[in-house]
Every structure is written in C-alpha cells, then in structure tokens.
Amino acid sequence: MMRWLTVIPLALAALLPLSAAPAKADTHAIIHQAFGAAEAVAENWADRTIDRAQDYAAAAHDAILIGGIIVSQNRNLISGGAIGCALGAASGVGSTVALALPTGGAALAATPNATLLGCALGAAGGAALGYKLDYPAGR
C-alpha cells in the first residue's frame, strides 16, 4: 500500500512539466496515432479472445456429446455399479453394527473398512450384472 502512495505522486510530478510545456501543433496528431494503435491492439486482442472462447466451447460441446454416447451405451453398467456400491456399503455398515453388541463395540472400529470393502464388492457385482444387460451378446 505504501508503494502506491509514493509512486502515484512521483508519476504525477514527473508528468507536470510536460503539461506545462507549450502545446505543439503535432501533439493532436500524436495523440490520435497513439489511440489508433491502442485501438488496433485492443481489437486484435478481443478477436483472439473470442476465437479462443469459441474453440473452447466447440471442444466442450464435442466432449459432452462423446461422454453422452459412452454413458448411453453403458448406462446399466454405471447404474449397476452405483447401486451395488450403495447396497454393499449398507451391508458392510450393517454387519459391523450387528457385531458391535457381541464384541463389546470393538467391531465398530472396522466400520470404514467394511464399508469400503462392501462398496467395492457391490460395485463390481452390480457392474458385472449391468454389463450383461448392456451387452447381451458380449463385446
């Protein structure tokens, strides 16, 4: 913050002699040239930015279409894996909670591992069943 407080007054002080100098006839033309050059740079920059944005939009559109095709072809595999994971995780939690009373609560420490294992096995089983629905004749 302190740098700006010192730089701005110094810059204004440096420009003060220029503003006090007598105006020349070609100053107006120089200003127009400077603004013309700045305008050309700004238009070029804007055109390049718009072109890049259109390229990104086209690439995103293509990715969405390709992803939609892949999901459409494998919809049963994907949903089977998701449902299998949820059911497997629920059975993993259920088994550790059911074993909590006989083990005095020691089985509860294994709940995250049982949930992970149940989800993995359920997802694999659900995906395998979904694959059979997506590709009945095999691939």
N, C-alpha and C. Protein backbone atom coordinates (compact mmCIF):
# COMPACT_ATOMS: atom_id res chain seq x y z
N MET A 1 0.82 -1.19 0.00
CA MET A 1 0.00 0.00 0.00
C MET A 1 0.87 1.25 0.00
N MET A 2 1.98 1.21 0.72
CA MET A 2 2.84 2.39 0.80
C MET A 2 3.51 2.69 -0.54
N ARG A 3 3.78 1.64 -1.33
CA ARG A 3 4.43 1.87 -2.63
C ARG A 3 3.54 2.71 -3.52
N TRP A 4 2.24 2.41 -3.52
CA TRP A 4 1.32 3.17 -4.38
C TRP A 4 1.20 4.61 -3.90
N LEU A 5 1.31 4.78 -2.59
CA LEU A 5 1.20 6.14 -2.07
C LEU A 5 2.40 6.99 -2.47
N THR A 6 3.54 6.35 -2.77
CA THR A 6 4.71 7.12 -3.19
C THR A 6 4.85 7.16 -4.71
N VAL A 7 4.42 6.10 -5.40
CA VAL A 7 4.59 6.04 -6.85
C VAL A 7 3.66 7.02 -7.56
N ILE A 8 2.42 7.10 -7.13
CA ILE A 8 1.45 7.96 -7.82
C ILE A 8 1.85 9.43 -7.77
N PRO A 9 2.19 9.99 -6.61
CA PRO A 9 2.62 11.39 -6.63
C PRO A 9 3.89 11.62 -7.43
N LEU A 10 4.83 10.66 -7.41
CA LEU A 10 6.04 10.82 -8.20
C LEU A 10 5.74 10.81 -9.69
N ALA A 11 4.84 9.95 -10.11
CA ALA A 11 4.47 9.90 -11.52
C ALA A 11 3.77 11.19 -11.93
N LEU A 12 2.90 11.70 -11.08
CA LEU A 12 2.22 12.96 -11.39
C LEU A 12 3.22 14.11 -11.42
N ALA A 13 4.17 14.08 -10.54
CA ALA A 13 5.19 15.14 -10.53
C ALA A 13 6.06 15.07 -11.78
N ALA A 14 6.31 13.87 -12.27
CA ALA A 14 7.11 13.73 -13.49
C ALA A 14 6.35 14.21 -14.72
N LEU A 15 5.03 14.06 -14.72
CA LEU A 15 4.23 14.47 -15.86
C LEU A 15 3.89 15.96 -15.82
N LEU A 16 4.04 16.60 -14.69
CA LEU A 16 3.68 18.02 -14.55
C LEU A 16 4.45 18.92 -15.50
N PRO A 17 5.77 18.74 -15.67
CA PRO A 17 6.47 19.61 -16.63
C PRO A 17 5.97 19.42 -18.06
N LEU A 18 5.53 18.23 -18.40
CA LEU A 18 5.02 18.00 -19.75
C LEU A 18 3.72 18.75 -20.00
N SER A 19 2.89 18.82 -18.98
CA SER A 19 1.62 19.51 -19.15
C SER A 19 1.81 21.02 -19.15
N ALA A 20 2.87 21.51 -18.55
CA ALA A 20 3.11 22.95 -18.51
C ALA A 20 3.83 23.44 -19.76
N ALA A 21 4.38 22.52 -20.57
CA ALA A 21 5.10 22.93 -21.77
C ALA A 21 4.13 23.50 -22.79
N PRO A 22 4.57 24.38 -23.62
CA PRO A 22 3.69 24.94 -24.64
C PRO A 22 3.27 23.85 -25.63
N ALA A 23 2.02 23.89 -26.02
CA ALA A 23 1.48 22.87 -26.91
C ALA A 23 2.05 23.03 -28.31
N LYS A 24 2.35 21.93 -28.92
CA LYS A 24 2.85 21.94 -30.28
C LYS A 24 1.71 21.58 -31.22
N ALA A 25 1.86 21.89 -32.46
CA ALA A 25 0.80 21.64 -33.43
C ALA A 25 0.63 20.15 -33.69
N ASP A 26 1.69 19.37 -33.61
CA ASP A 26 1.59 17.95 -33.92
C ASP A 26 1.19 17.09 -32.71
N THR A 27 0.95 17.69 -31.56
CA THR A 27 0.54 16.93 -30.38
C THR A 27 -0.79 16.23 -30.63
N HIS A 28 -1.69 16.92 -31.27
CA HIS A 28 -3.00 16.35 -31.56
C HIS A 28 -2.87 15.11 -32.45
N ALA A 29 -2.02 15.20 -33.44
CA ALA A 29 -1.82 14.07 -34.34
C ALA A 29 -1.15 12.89 -33.61
N ILE A 30 -0.22 13.18 -32.73
CA ILE A 30 0.46 12.12 -31.97
C ILE A 30 -0.54 11.40 -31.07
N ILE A 31 -1.43 12.17 -30.45
CA ILE A 31 -2.44 11.56 -29.57
C ILE A 31 -3.35 10.65 -30.40
N HIS A 32 -3.75 11.10 -31.58
CA HIS A 32 -4.60 10.27 -32.43
C HIS A 32 -3.89 9.00 -32.87
N GLN A 33 -2.60 9.10 -33.17
CA GLN A 33 -1.83 7.91 -33.55
C GLN A 33 -1.74 6.93 -32.38
N ALA A 34 -1.51 7.46 -31.20
CA ALA A 34 -1.41 6.58 -30.02
C ALA A 34 -2.73 5.87 -29.76
N PHE A 35 -3.84 6.62 -29.84
CA PHE A 35 -5.14 5.99 -29.62
C PHE A 35 -5.47 5.00 -30.73
N GLY A 36 -5.08 5.31 -31.96
CA GLY A 36 -5.31 4.37 -33.07
C GLY A 36 -4.56 3.08 -32.86
N ALA A 37 -3.30 3.17 -32.43
CA ALA A 37 -2.50 1.97 -32.17
C ALA A 37 -3.09 1.16 -31.02
N ALA A 38 -3.51 1.86 -29.96
CA ALA A 38 -4.11 1.16 -28.82
C ALA A 38 -5.42 0.49 -29.23
N GLU A 39 -6.18 1.14 -30.09
CA GLU A 39 -7.44 0.56 -30.56
C GLU A 39 -7.18 -0.70 -31.38
N ALA A 40 -6.17 -0.67 -32.23
CA ALA A 40 -5.83 -1.83 -33.06
C ALA A 40 -5.40 -3.01 -32.19
N VAL A 41 -4.59 -2.72 -31.17
CA VAL A 41 -4.15 -3.78 -30.26
C VAL A 41 -5.35 -4.36 -29.50
N ALA A 42 -6.23 -3.49 -29.05
CA ALA A 42 -7.41 -3.96 -28.30
C ALA A 42 -8.32 -4.79 -29.19
N GLU A 43 -8.53 -4.37 -30.44
CA GLU A 43 -9.38 -5.15 -31.33
C GLU A 43 -8.77 -6.50 -31.64
N ASN A 44 -7.46 -6.55 -31.87
CA ASN A 44 -6.77 -7.80 -32.14
C ASN A 44 -6.88 -8.73 -30.94
N TRP A 45 -6.67 -8.18 -29.76
CA TRP A 45 -6.76 -8.98 -28.53
C TRP A 45 -8.18 -9.51 -28.34
N ALA A 46 -9.17 -8.66 -28.58
CA ALA A 46 -10.56 -9.09 -28.41
C ALA A 46 -10.92 -10.18 -29.42
N ASP A 47 -10.47 -10.02 -30.67
CA ASP A 47 -10.76 -11.04 -31.68
C ASP A 47 -10.13 -12.38 -31.32
N ARG A 48 -8.88 -12.34 -30.85
CA ARG A 48 -8.22 -13.59 -30.45
C ARG A 48 -8.93 -14.23 -29.26
N THR A 49 -9.38 -13.42 -28.32
CA THR A 49 -10.08 -13.95 -27.15
C THR A 49 -11.39 -14.60 -27.56
N ILE A 50 -12.11 -13.95 -28.46
CA ILE A 50 -13.39 -14.51 -28.93
C ILE A 50 -13.14 -15.82 -29.68
N ASP A 51 -12.10 -15.86 -30.51
CA ASP A 51 -11.78 -17.09 -31.23
C ASP A 51 -11.44 -18.23 -30.27
N ARG A 52 -10.66 -17.93 -29.25
CA ARG A 52 -10.31 -18.97 -28.27
C ARG A 52 -11.53 -19.44 -27.50
N ALA A 53 -12.39 -18.51 -27.14
CA ALA A 53 -13.61 -18.90 -26.41
C ALA A 53 -14.49 -19.79 -27.28
N GLN A 54 -14.60 -19.48 -28.56
CA GLN A 54 -15.39 -20.32 -29.46
C GLN A 54 -14.76 -21.69 -29.63
N ASP A 55 -13.43 -21.75 -29.68
CA ASP A 55 -12.76 -23.04 -29.77
C ASP A 55 -13.00 -23.88 -28.52
N TYR A 56 -12.92 -23.26 -27.35
CA TYR A 56 -13.18 -23.99 -26.09
C TYR A 56 -14.63 -24.46 -26.04
N ALA A 57 -15.56 -23.63 -26.49
CA ALA A 57 -16.96 -24.02 -26.48
C ALA A 57 -17.21 -25.20 -27.42
N ALA A 58 -16.57 -25.18 -28.58
CA ALA A 58 -16.73 -26.29 -29.52
C ALA A 58 -16.13 -27.58 -28.95
N ALA A 59 -14.98 -27.47 -28.31
CA ALA A 59 -14.35 -28.66 -27.70
C ALA A 59 -15.21 -29.20 -26.56
N ALA A 60 -15.78 -28.32 -25.77
CA ALA A 60 -16.64 -28.76 -24.67
C ALA A 60 -17.90 -29.43 -25.22
N HIS A 61 -18.43 -28.88 -26.29
CA HIS A 61 -19.62 -29.47 -26.91
C HIS A 61 -19.30 -30.88 -27.41
N ASP A 62 -18.16 -31.05 -28.06
CA ASP A 62 -17.76 -32.37 -28.54
C ASP A 62 -17.58 -33.35 -27.39
N ALA A 63 -16.95 -32.88 -26.30
CA ALA A 63 -16.73 -33.75 -25.14
C ALA A 63 -18.06 -34.19 -24.52
N ILE A 64 -19.02 -33.27 -24.48
CA ILE A 64 -20.33 -33.61 -23.92
C ILE A 64 -21.01 -34.65 -24.79
N LEU A 65 -20.94 -34.48 -26.10
CA LEU A 65 -21.56 -35.46 -27.00
C LEU A 65 -20.91 -36.84 -26.86
N ILE A 66 -19.58 -36.87 -26.86
CA ILE A 66 -18.88 -38.14 -26.74
C ILE A 66 -19.17 -38.79 -25.39
N GLY A 67 -19.14 -38.00 -24.32
CA GLY A 67 -19.46 -38.53 -23.00
C GLY A 67 -20.88 -39.06 -22.92
N GLY A 68 -21.82 -38.35 -23.57
CA GLY A 68 -23.20 -38.81 -23.59
C GLY A 68 -23.36 -40.13 -24.31
N ILE A 69 -22.61 -40.30 -25.39
CA ILE A 69 -22.66 -41.56 -26.13
C ILE A 69 -22.12 -42.70 -25.26
N ILE A 70 -21.02 -42.46 -24.59
CA ILE A 70 -20.41 -43.50 -23.75
C ILE A 70 -21.35 -43.87 -22.60
N VAL A 71 -21.94 -42.85 -21.96
CA VAL A 71 -22.86 -43.13 -20.85
C VAL A 71 -24.10 -43.85 -21.36
N SER A 72 -24.60 -43.45 -22.53
CA SER A 72 -25.78 -44.11 -23.08
C SER A 72 -25.53 -45.58 -23.39
N GLN A 73 -24.35 -45.88 -23.88
CA GLN A 73 -24.03 -47.27 -24.22
C GLN A 73 -23.77 -48.13 -22.98
N ASN A 74 -23.39 -47.51 -21.88
CA ASN A 74 -23.04 -48.26 -20.67
C ASN A 74 -23.92 -47.89 -19.48
N ARG A 75 -25.15 -47.49 -19.73
CA ARG A 75 -26.00 -46.97 -18.65
C ARG A 75 -26.29 -48.03 -17.58
N ASN A 76 -26.51 -49.27 -17.96
CA ASN A 76 -26.81 -50.30 -16.97
C ASN A 76 -25.57 -50.66 -16.16
N LEU A 77 -24.41 -50.64 -16.80
CA LEU A 77 -23.16 -50.91 -16.09
C LEU A 77 -22.92 -49.83 -15.04
N ILE A 78 -23.12 -48.57 -15.42
CA ILE A 78 -22.89 -47.45 -14.49
C ILE A 78 -23.88 -47.48 -13.34
N SER A 79 -25.16 -47.64 -13.67
CA SER A 79 -26.16 -47.64 -12.59
C SER A 79 -26.03 -48.89 -11.72
N GLY A 80 -25.67 -50.03 -12.31
CA GLY A 80 -25.45 -51.24 -11.52
C GLY A 80 -24.31 -51.07 -10.54
N GLY A 81 -23.24 -50.42 -11.01
CA GLY A 81 -22.10 -50.16 -10.12
C GLY A 81 -22.47 -49.22 -8.99
N ALA A 82 -23.24 -48.18 -9.29
CA ALA A 82 -23.63 -47.21 -8.26
C ALA A 82 -24.56 -47.85 -7.23
N ILE A 83 -25.55 -48.58 -7.70
CA ILE A 83 -26.49 -49.22 -6.78
C ILE A 83 -25.79 -50.31 -5.99
N GLY A 84 -24.91 -51.08 -6.66
CA GLY A 84 -24.17 -52.12 -5.97
C GLY A 84 -23.28 -51.56 -4.88
N CYS A 85 -22.66 -50.41 -5.14
CA CYS A 85 -21.82 -49.78 -4.13
C CYS A 85 -22.65 -49.36 -2.92
N ALA A 86 -23.80 -48.76 -3.18
CA ALA A 86 -24.65 -48.31 -2.06
C ALA A 86 -25.14 -49.50 -1.22
N LEU A 87 -25.58 -50.55 -1.90
CA LEU A 87 -26.07 -51.71 -1.16
C LEU A 87 -24.93 -52.44 -0.44
N GLY A 88 -23.78 -52.53 -1.08
CA GLY A 88 -22.63 -53.18 -0.43
C GLY A 88 -22.15 -52.39 0.78
N ALA A 89 -22.12 -51.07 0.66
CA ALA A 89 -21.71 -50.24 1.80
C ALA A 89 -22.70 -50.37 2.94
N ALA A 90 -23.98 -50.42 2.62
CA ALA A 90 -25.00 -50.58 3.67
C ALA A 90 -24.86 -51.93 4.36
N SER A 91 -24.55 -52.96 3.60
CA SER A 91 -24.38 -54.27 4.24
C SER A 91 -23.11 -54.31 5.09
N GLY A 92 -22.07 -53.59 4.66
CA GLY A 92 -20.85 -53.51 5.47
C GLY A 92 -21.09 -52.80 6.78
N VAL A 93 -21.82 -51.70 6.73
CA VAL A 93 -22.15 -50.97 7.97
C VAL A 93 -23.06 -51.82 8.84
N GLY A 94 -24.03 -52.45 8.22
CA GLY A 94 -24.97 -53.29 8.98
C GLY A 94 -24.28 -54.43 9.70
N SER A 95 -23.32 -55.04 9.03
CA SER A 95 -22.65 -56.17 9.67
C SER A 95 -21.78 -55.73 10.84
N THR A 96 -21.11 -54.58 10.73
CA THR A 96 -20.29 -54.13 11.86
C THR A 96 -21.16 -53.66 13.02
N VAL A 97 -22.30 -53.05 12.72
CA VAL A 97 -23.20 -52.63 13.80
C VAL A 97 -23.81 -53.86 14.48
N ALA A 98 -24.14 -54.88 13.68
CA ALA A 98 -24.70 -56.11 14.26
C ALA A 98 -23.68 -56.83 15.14
N LEU A 99 -22.41 -56.73 14.77
CA LEU A 99 -21.37 -57.38 15.57
C LEU A 99 -20.89 -56.52 16.73
N ALA A 100 -21.38 -55.29 16.82
CA ALA A 100 -20.92 -54.39 17.88
C ALA A 100 -21.33 -54.89 19.27
N LEU A 101 -22.54 -55.40 19.41
CA LEU A 101 -23.01 -55.85 20.72
C LEU A 101 -22.24 -57.08 21.21
N PRO A 102 -22.09 -58.14 20.39
CA PRO A 102 -21.35 -59.30 20.89
C PRO A 102 -19.86 -59.02 21.15
N THR A 103 -19.28 -58.06 20.43
CA THR A 103 -17.85 -57.80 20.61
C THR A 103 -17.59 -56.65 21.57
N GLY A 104 -18.61 -56.12 22.16
CA GLY A 104 -18.44 -55.02 23.11
C GLY A 104 -18.05 -53.71 22.42
N GLY A 105 -18.44 -53.54 21.17
CA GLY A 105 -18.15 -52.31 20.44
C GLY A 105 -16.84 -52.34 19.68
N ALA A 106 -16.08 -53.43 19.82
CA ALA A 106 -14.78 -53.49 19.13
C ALA A 106 -14.96 -53.56 17.61
N ALA A 107 -16.08 -54.12 17.15
CA ALA A 107 -16.31 -54.25 15.70
C ALA A 107 -16.57 -52.90 15.04
N LEU A 108 -16.95 -51.90 15.81
CA LEU A 108 -17.24 -50.59 15.23
C LEU A 108 -15.99 -49.94 14.65
N ALA A 109 -14.84 -50.32 15.13
CA ALA A 109 -13.60 -49.77 14.59
C ALA A 109 -13.37 -50.21 13.15
N ALA A 110 -13.98 -51.31 12.76
CA ALA A 110 -13.81 -51.82 11.40
C ALA A 110 -14.88 -51.31 10.45
N THR A 111 -15.73 -50.40 10.89
CA THR A 111 -16.81 -49.90 10.04
C THR A 111 -16.31 -49.26 8.74
N PRO A 112 -15.31 -48.37 8.75
CA PRO A 112 -14.86 -47.80 7.47
C PRO A 112 -14.32 -48.85 6.50
N ASN A 113 -13.58 -49.81 7.02
CA ASN A 113 -13.04 -50.85 6.15
C ASN A 113 -14.15 -51.74 5.59
N ALA A 114 -15.11 -52.08 6.43
CA ALA A 114 -16.23 -52.91 5.97
C ALA A 114 -17.07 -52.14 4.94
N THR A 115 -17.23 -50.85 5.14
CA THR A 115 -17.97 -50.04 4.18
C THR A 115 -17.25 -49.99 2.84
N LEU A 116 -15.96 -49.76 2.87
CA LEU A 116 -15.17 -49.72 1.64
C LEU A 116 -15.19 -51.06 0.92
N LEU A 117 -14.99 -52.12 1.64
CA LEU A 117 -14.99 -53.45 1.03
C LEU A 117 -16.38 -53.78 0.46
N GLY A 118 -17.42 -53.46 1.22
CA GLY A 118 -18.78 -53.70 0.73
C GLY A 118 -19.09 -52.90 -0.52
N CYS A 119 -18.67 -51.66 -0.55
CA CYS A 119 -18.89 -50.82 -1.73
C CYS A 119 -18.14 -51.37 -2.93
N ALA A 120 -16.89 -51.76 -2.74
CA ALA A 120 -16.09 -52.28 -3.86
C ALA A 120 -16.68 -53.57 -4.41
N LEU A 121 -17.04 -54.48 -3.53
CA LEU A 121 -17.60 -55.75 -4.00
C LEU A 121 -18.98 -55.55 -4.61
N GLY A 122 -19.78 -54.70 -4.01
CA GLY A 122 -21.11 -54.41 -4.56
C GLY A 122 -21.03 -53.72 -5.91
N ALA A 123 -20.10 -52.79 -6.05
CA ALA A 123 -19.94 -52.09 -7.33
C ALA A 123 -19.48 -53.06 -8.40
N ALA A 124 -18.55 -53.94 -8.08
CA ALA A 124 -18.07 -54.91 -9.06
C ALA A 124 -19.20 -55.86 -9.49
N GLY A 125 -19.96 -56.32 -8.52
CA GLY A 125 -21.08 -57.22 -8.84
C GLY A 125 -22.17 -56.51 -9.63
N GLY A 126 -22.51 -55.30 -9.23
CA GLY A 126 -23.54 -54.54 -9.95
C GLY A 126 -23.11 -54.18 -11.36
N ALA A 127 -21.84 -53.83 -11.50
CA ALA A 127 -21.33 -53.50 -12.84
C ALA A 127 -21.32 -54.74 -13.72
N ALA A 128 -20.99 -55.89 -13.15
CA ALA A 128 -20.99 -57.12 -13.94
C ALA A 128 -22.39 -57.47 -14.42
N LEU A 129 -23.37 -57.30 -13.55
CA LEU A 129 -24.75 -57.56 -13.96
C LEU A 129 -25.22 -56.53 -14.99
N GLY A 130 -24.84 -55.27 -14.79
CA GLY A 130 -25.21 -54.23 -15.75
C GLY A 130 -24.56 -54.44 -17.10
N TYR A 131 -23.34 -54.96 -17.11
CA TYR A 131 -22.64 -55.23 -18.36
C TYR A 131 -23.41 -56.26 -19.18
N LYS A 132 -23.94 -57.27 -18.50
CA LYS A 132 -24.71 -58.30 -19.20
C LYS A 132 -25.98 -57.70 -19.82
N LEU A 133 -26.54 -56.67 -19.18
CA LEU A 133 -27.73 -56.03 -19.75
C LEU A 133 -27.36 -55.11 -20.92
N ASP A 134 -26.22 -54.45 -20.82
CA ASP A 134 -25.79 -53.54 -21.88
C ASP A 134 -25.32 -54.31 -23.12
N TYR A 135 -24.63 -55.40 -22.90
CA TYR A 135 -24.06 -56.18 -24.00
C TYR A 135 -24.48 -57.64 -23.85
N PRO A 136 -25.72 -57.99 -24.23
CA PRO A 136 -26.19 -59.37 -24.03
C PRO A 136 -25.38 -60.41 -24.81
N ALA A 137 -24.87 -60.03 -25.97
CA ALA A 137 -24.10 -60.98 -26.77
C ALA A 137 -22.61 -60.91 -26.46
N GLY A 138 -22.24 -60.07 -25.54
CA GLY A 138 -20.83 -59.86 -25.23
C GLY A 138 -20.28 -58.78 -26.15
N ARG A 139 -19.04 -58.50 -25.99
CA ARG A 139 -18.45 -57.43 -26.79
C ARG A 139 -17.57 -57.93 -27.85
